[in-house]
Amino acid sequence: SLATHMRYAIPGGAIDAAAAEIAKELLHVLPPPQAEDLRAHLIPLAVGTAGLDVLFVIDTTGSMGEDIAEAVRFAKNNARTINSLGGRVALVAYRDAGDAYTARLVTDFTTDVDAFATQLDGLVALGGGDGPEALFHALMTGFNEVSWRNGATKAAVVLTDAGFHNPDRVDGTTLPQVVTRALEIDPVNVYP
């Protein structure tokens, strides 16, 4: 019947549970890159009373040359999912001390995923020089410069191939300072 057919789309319903169970089984047989993509989609997204705010923090140093396209694709795909849940996305690009820029807010929170995708397409991997990068400076830039909503579930998703300086060589930020600031903002959950 039509009434039964309309029950397929119930969020968190039996169809969603079955799809999640199938996805978990596929993790054991897929090649590592595809399994990692699938694993990222299995993270449950809890939407706060004011929605969902997700900040993408992307490493754009030279070592990301082979990975920047994948980072951009990942952010684009997830931006669409976040938007479908009524969420907003923002973007910070970062490099390291001594580069043309160390961390910059590319776009504040938006629901315009096409404009967000255009900003992602403009990212270029250059600079760097040593292994660790200015991640703590980048996180603090995002934490302090974007317009977080009160009551929204907040996340920062870090896409990088490198570690971080502790303390940061740009502004001296340390891991405890990043943690403290993330907690002050309602908190912001950081997913590397």
Protein backbone atom coordinates (compact mmCIF):
# COMPACT_ATOMS: atom_id res chain seq x y z
CA SER A 1 0.00 0.00 0.00
CA LEU A 2 1.03 3.63 -0.42
CA ALA A 3 0.92 4.22 3.35
CA THR A 4 3.49 1.48 3.92
CA HIS A 5 5.66 2.75 1.07
CA MET A 6 5.86 6.21 2.64
CA ARG A 7 7.35 4.75 5.83
CA TYR A 8 10.67 3.94 4.11
CA ALA A 9 11.92 7.49 4.51
CA ILE A 10 11.56 7.71 8.30
CA PRO A 11 14.93 9.01 9.60
CA GLY A 12 16.47 6.47 11.96
CA GLY A 13 13.84 3.91 10.94
CA ALA A 14 14.24 0.30 9.90
CA ILE A 15 15.62 1.12 6.44
CA ASP A 16 18.28 3.44 7.91
CA ALA A 17 19.23 0.76 10.46
CA ALA A 18 19.53 -1.87 7.72
CA ALA A 19 21.67 0.43 5.56
CA ALA A 20 23.98 1.13 8.51
CA GLU A 21 24.32 -2.58 9.23
CA ILE A 22 25.18 -3.31 5.58
CA ALA A 23 27.71 -0.47 5.56
CA LYS A 24 29.43 -1.86 8.67
CA GLU A 25 29.76 -5.27 7.00
CA LEU A 26 31.20 -3.66 3.85
CA LEU A 27 34.00 -2.10 5.93
CA HIS A 28 35.57 -5.56 6.21
CA VAL A 29 35.74 -6.21 2.45
CA LEU A 30 36.35 -2.82 0.84
CA PRO A 31 39.87 -1.61 -0.04
CA PRO A 32 41.21 0.81 2.63
CA PRO A 33 40.47 4.12 0.80
CA GLN A 34 36.84 3.19 0.12
CA ALA A 35 36.41 1.76 3.61
CA GLU A 36 37.70 5.03 5.08
CA ASP A 37 35.19 7.04 3.00
CA LEU A 38 32.38 4.79 4.15
CA ARG A 39 33.52 4.96 7.79
CA ALA A 40 33.35 8.76 7.64
CA HIS A 41 29.71 8.53 6.58
CA LEU A 42 28.84 6.24 9.49
CA ILE A 43 29.62 8.91 12.09
CA PRO A 44 26.22 9.86 13.52
CA LEU A 45 25.46 13.55 13.13
CA ALA A 46 23.43 14.91 16.03
CA VAL A 47 21.74 18.18 15.19
CA GLY A 48 21.46 20.67 18.05
CA THR A 49 18.44 22.83 18.78
CA ALA A 50 19.82 25.56 16.46
CA GLY A 51 21.16 23.16 13.81
CA LEU A 52 24.61 21.92 12.87
CA ASP A 53 27.74 24.07 12.30
CA VAL A 54 30.70 22.26 10.72
CA LEU A 55 34.02 23.98 10.11
CA PHE A 56 36.37 22.28 7.63
CA VAL A 57 40.04 23.01 8.39
CA ILE A 58 42.16 21.98 5.40
CA ASP A 59 45.94 21.72 5.18
CA THR A 60 47.08 23.35 1.91
CA THR A 61 50.84 22.84 2.26
CA GLY A 62 52.86 21.30 -0.57
CA SER A 63 52.80 17.82 0.95
CA MET A 64 49.03 17.79 0.34
CA GLY A 65 49.65 17.96 -3.42
CA GLU A 66 48.55 14.38 -3.99
CA ASP A 67 45.76 14.58 -1.39
CA ILE A 68 44.18 18.02 -1.87
CA ALA A 69 41.72 16.80 -4.52
CA GLU A 70 40.53 14.05 -2.15
CA ALA A 71 40.21 16.51 0.74
CA VAL A 72 38.16 18.84 -1.47
CA ARG A 73 35.94 15.96 -2.64
CA PHE A 74 35.40 14.81 0.95
CA ALA A 75 34.46 18.32 2.10
CA LYS A 76 32.08 18.85 -0.86
CA ASN A 77 30.29 15.54 -0.31
CA ASN A 78 29.93 16.07 3.41
CA ALA A 79 28.84 19.70 2.96
CA ARG A 80 25.86 18.43 0.98
CA THR A 81 24.98 15.93 3.72
CA ILE A 82 25.35 18.59 6.42
CA ASN A 83 23.20 20.99 4.40
CA SER A 84 20.52 18.33 3.95
CA LEU A 85 20.31 18.17 7.74
CA GLY A 86 19.77 21.93 7.94
CA GLY A 87 23.41 22.58 8.78
CA ARG A 88 25.96 25.18 7.75
CA VAL A 89 29.57 24.78 6.65
CA ALA A 90 32.64 27.02 6.87
CA LEU A 91 36.22 26.71 5.63
CA VAL A 92 39.67 27.57 6.99
CA ALA A 93 42.77 26.84 4.89
CA TYR A 94 46.15 26.66 6.56
CA ARG A 95 49.84 26.18 5.89
CA ASP A 96 52.80 26.85 8.18
CA ALA A 97 54.94 29.62 9.64
CA GLY A 98 56.76 31.53 6.91
CA ASP A 99 54.30 30.65 4.13
CA ALA A 100 52.28 33.17 2.10
CA TYR A 101 49.51 32.66 4.65
CA THR A 102 49.44 30.62 7.82
CA ALA A 103 45.68 30.31 8.33
CA ARG A 104 42.85 32.14 6.64
CA LEU A 105 39.10 32.05 6.87
CA VAL A 106 38.05 31.21 3.32
CA THR A 107 34.33 31.33 4.03
CA ASP A 108 32.23 31.86 7.14
CA PHE A 109 29.27 29.59 7.79
CA THR A 110 26.97 29.23 4.82
CA THR A 111 24.13 27.07 3.59
CA ASP A 112 25.10 27.75 -0.04
CA VAL A 113 26.94 24.50 -0.81
CA ASP A 114 27.62 25.54 -4.41
CA ALA A 115 29.44 28.69 -3.28
CA PHE A 116 31.26 26.59 -0.66
CA ALA A 117 32.30 24.11 -3.39
CA THR A 118 33.64 26.99 -5.49
CA GLN A 119 35.79 28.13 -2.56
CA LEU A 120 37.06 24.57 -2.10
CA ASP A 121 38.00 24.38 -5.79
CA GLY A 122 40.27 27.40 -5.28
CA LEU A 123 42.51 25.63 -2.75
CA VAL A 124 46.08 25.04 -3.94
CA ALA A 125 48.75 22.99 -2.17
CA LEU A 126 52.01 24.97 -1.79
CA GLY A 127 54.59 25.80 0.85
CA GLY A 128 55.29 23.99 4.07
CA GLY A 129 58.82 22.70 4.35
CA ASP A 130 58.89 20.60 7.48
CA GLY A 131 56.58 17.83 8.66
CA PRO A 132 54.36 19.55 11.21
CA GLU A 133 52.10 22.43 10.15
CA ALA A 134 50.24 25.37 11.78
CA LEU A 135 47.16 23.35 12.77
CA PHE A 136 46.69 24.91 16.21
CA HIS A 137 46.85 28.40 14.69
CA ALA A 138 44.32 27.29 12.06
CA LEU A 139 41.91 25.87 14.64
CA MET A 140 42.11 29.04 16.73
CA THR A 141 41.54 31.14 13.59
CA GLY A 142 38.40 29.18 12.86
CA PHE A 143 37.21 29.09 16.46
CA ASN A 144 37.55 32.87 16.77
CA GLU A 145 36.52 34.11 13.32
CA VAL A 146 33.44 32.11 12.33
CA SER A 147 29.91 32.92 13.47
CA TRP A 148 29.01 29.90 15.62
CA ARG A 149 25.30 29.67 16.53
CA ASN A 150 24.25 29.21 20.14
CA GLY A 151 22.55 25.85 20.52
CA ALA A 152 24.02 24.35 17.33
CA THR A 153 26.01 21.15 17.42
CA LYS A 154 29.53 22.28 16.53
CA ALA A 155 32.36 20.40 14.83
CA ALA A 156 35.72 21.12 13.25
CA VAL A 157 36.85 18.54 10.70
CA VAL A 158 40.61 18.60 10.06
CA LEU A 159 41.86 17.27 6.73
CA THR A 160 45.65 16.94 6.71
CA ASP A 161 48.54 14.60 6.02
CA ALA A 162 50.81 15.99 8.74
CA GLY A 163 51.12 16.66 12.43
CA PHE A 164 51.30 19.97 14.25
CA HIS A 165 53.82 22.15 16.06
CA ASN A 166 53.26 22.29 19.83
CA PRO A 167 53.52 25.13 20.59
CA ASP A 168 52.46 26.51 17.23
CA ARG A 169 55.27 28.43 15.51
CA VAL A 170 52.91 31.15 14.27
CA ASP A 171 51.27 32.31 17.49
CA GLY A 172 52.54 30.01 20.25
CA THR A 173 49.19 28.25 20.71
CA THR A 174 49.45 24.99 22.66
CA LEU A 175 47.22 21.92 22.71
CA PRO A 176 45.70 22.83 26.13
CA GLN A 177 44.78 26.27 24.75
CA VAL A 178 43.05 24.72 21.74
CA VAL A 179 41.12 22.35 24.01
CA THR A 180 40.12 25.16 26.35
CA ARG A 181 38.90 27.35 23.50
CA ALA A 182 36.94 24.47 21.91
CA LEU A 183 35.21 23.83 25.23
CA GLU A 184 34.38 27.53 25.65
CA ILE A 185 32.44 27.44 22.37
CA ASP A 186 29.67 25.17 23.61
CA PRO A 187 31.96 22.93 22.75
CA VAL A 188 33.40 22.42 19.28
CA ASN A 189 34.15 18.73 18.72
CA VAL A 190 37.35 18.34 16.68
CA TYR A 191 37.60 15.42 14.24
CA PRO A 192 41.05 14.92 12.69
